[in-house]
Structure formats: C-alpha cells, structure tokens
C-alpha cells in the first residue's frame, strides 16, 4: 500500500493501524473533487489554550471552543471577571506554548 502514488503513511494510533470513519473519508474526497484549497494545519483541540497570530487580536491568548461548527476564541479578563467569545479562522491561531 505504501508504494501507491500519493500514499505517505498509514493512519495509526499507538503504532497500530486505525480505521477512519467512512464519513470523514467521503468528506475529504468531496473537498478534493470540488477543488477546495487545503493545506496541513496543526490539530487544535477544543478546550485547549491557543494564541492568535494574525488579525486585530494578534498576541492574545485564550481558550478554543466550538459552537455550531464554528471555532470561537474566548478571552477572559480576570480582573473584571468577564469573558468574550469571538469567531476566528483556524489559520489565525496556534496552540499556546
């Protein structure tokens, strides 16, 4: 299988091959067939602390949340005991160090 054009490696978990849900594979196929521009991006897990690298909030850090299939960035101001959530593009955030 690794000799097939376009195959880089097998998807695995803890060194064992992992099965991908058919719906995810079909979604990837549909995107490729429609010519959607895609590039690799680090996996960002909701609930994880992230930093903004582009845009008006550049340099800010907060928590990544998901609401109705949209990524939201939550900034908390501890002194005021308030938080605000804004929608951001995944390309504009990175996992905080």
Protein backbone atom coordinates (compact mmCIF):
# COMPACT_ATOMS: atom_id res chain seq x y z
CA UNK A 1 0.00 0.00 0.00
CA UNK A 2 2.81 2.44 0.79
CA UNK A 3 4.00 2.03 -2.80
CA UNK A 4 0.82 3.64 -4.20
CA UNK A 5 1.22 7.20 -5.56
CA UNK A 6 0.02 9.76 -3.02
CA UNK A 7 0.22 7.42 -0.01
CA UNK A 8 2.61 8.82 2.58
CA UNK A 9 1.90 6.59 5.57
CA UNK A 10 -0.87 4.66 7.26
CA UNK A 11 -3.08 6.36 9.81
CA UNK A 12 -2.24 4.81 13.16
CA UNK A 13 -2.88 5.11 16.87
CA UNK A 14 -0.21 3.90 19.31
CA UNK A 15 1.56 2.16 16.44
CA UNK A 16 -1.48 0.19 15.28
CA UNK A 17 -3.43 0.95 12.10
CA UNK A 18 -6.55 3.00 12.83
CA UNK A 19 -9.83 2.89 10.93
CA UNK A 20 -11.20 6.24 9.77
CA UNK A 21 -14.96 6.71 9.68
CA UNK A 22 -16.30 6.45 6.14
CA UNK A 23 -17.99 9.85 6.53
CA UNK A 24 -14.62 11.55 7.14
CA UNK A 25 -13.05 9.84 4.14
CA UNK A 26 -16.02 10.84 1.98
CA UNK A 27 -15.78 14.43 3.22
CA UNK A 28 -12.11 14.59 2.22
CA UNK A 29 -12.89 13.12 -1.21
CA UNK A 30 -15.67 15.65 -1.79
CA UNK A 31 -13.38 18.55 -0.91
CA UNK A 32 -10.68 17.33 -3.26
CA UNK A 33 -13.16 16.75 -6.09
CA UNK A 34 -14.57 20.26 -5.65
CA UNK A 35 -11.06 21.77 -5.81
CA UNK A 36 -11.17 23.15 -2.27
CA UNK A 37 -7.79 24.63 -1.37
CA UNK A 38 -6.47 22.82 1.68
CA UNK A 39 -3.17 22.75 3.47
CA UNK A 40 -1.92 20.94 6.57
CA UNK A 41 -2.67 22.65 9.87
CA UNK A 42 -1.73 21.62 13.42
CA UNK A 43 -4.53 19.83 15.23
CA UNK A 44 -6.22 22.21 17.64
CA UNK A 45 -8.35 20.62 20.31
CA UNK A 46 -11.30 22.49 21.78
CA UNK A 47 -10.73 23.46 25.38
CA UNK A 48 -7.03 23.99 24.71
CA UNK A 49 -5.21 27.28 25.29
CA UNK A 50 -4.32 28.97 21.99
CA UNK A 51 -2.68 32.19 20.81
CA UNK A 52 -3.77 34.47 17.99
CA UNK A 53 -1.04 35.06 15.39
CA UNK A 54 -2.89 37.28 12.86
CA UNK A 55 -5.54 39.95 12.86
CA UNK A 56 -6.63 42.56 15.38
CA UNK A 57 -6.30 40.13 18.32
CA UNK A 58 -2.73 39.13 17.39
CA UNK A 59 -0.75 38.28 20.53
CA UNK A 60 -3.82 37.49 22.64
CA UNK A 61 -4.20 34.10 24.28
CA UNK A 62 -7.35 32.34 25.33
CA UNK A 63 -9.31 29.09 25.11
CA UNK A 64 -10.55 27.49 21.90
CA UNK A 65 -14.21 26.46 21.93
CA UNK A 66 -16.60 25.21 19.25
CA UNK A 67 -20.18 26.38 18.79
CA UNK A 68 -22.35 25.18 15.91
CA UNK A 69 -19.33 24.00 13.87
CA UNK A 70 -17.58 27.38 14.24
CA UNK A 71 -14.33 27.95 16.10
CA UNK A 72 -14.55 30.56 18.81
CA UNK A 73 -11.76 32.11 20.78
CA UNK A 74 -12.60 33.00 24.36
CA UNK A 75 -10.66 35.78 26.04
CA UNK A 76 -11.07 36.15 29.79
CA UNK A 77 -10.26 39.33 31.71
CA UNK A 78 -9.68 38.07 35.22
CA UNK A 79 -9.74 41.48 36.93
CA UNK A 80 -13.21 42.17 35.52
CA UNK A 81 -14.32 38.55 35.87
CA UNK A 82 -15.69 38.69 32.32
CA UNK A 83 -15.09 36.73 29.13
CA UNK A 84 -15.88 37.36 25.49
CA UNK A 85 -16.04 34.86 22.62
CA UNK A 86 -15.17 35.81 19.04
CA UNK A 87 -15.16 33.75 15.85
CA UNK A 88 -11.74 33.27 14.29
CA UNK A 89 -10.29 31.39 11.34
CA UNK A 90 -8.25 28.33 12.30
CA UNK A 91 -5.35 29.78 10.28
CA UNK A 92 -5.15 32.73 12.69
CA UNK A 93 -4.49 30.68 15.84
CA UNK A 94 -1.81 28.31 17.10
CA UNK A 95 -1.56 26.10 20.16
CA UNK A 96 -0.07 28.09 23.04
CA UNK A 97 3.34 27.01 24.19
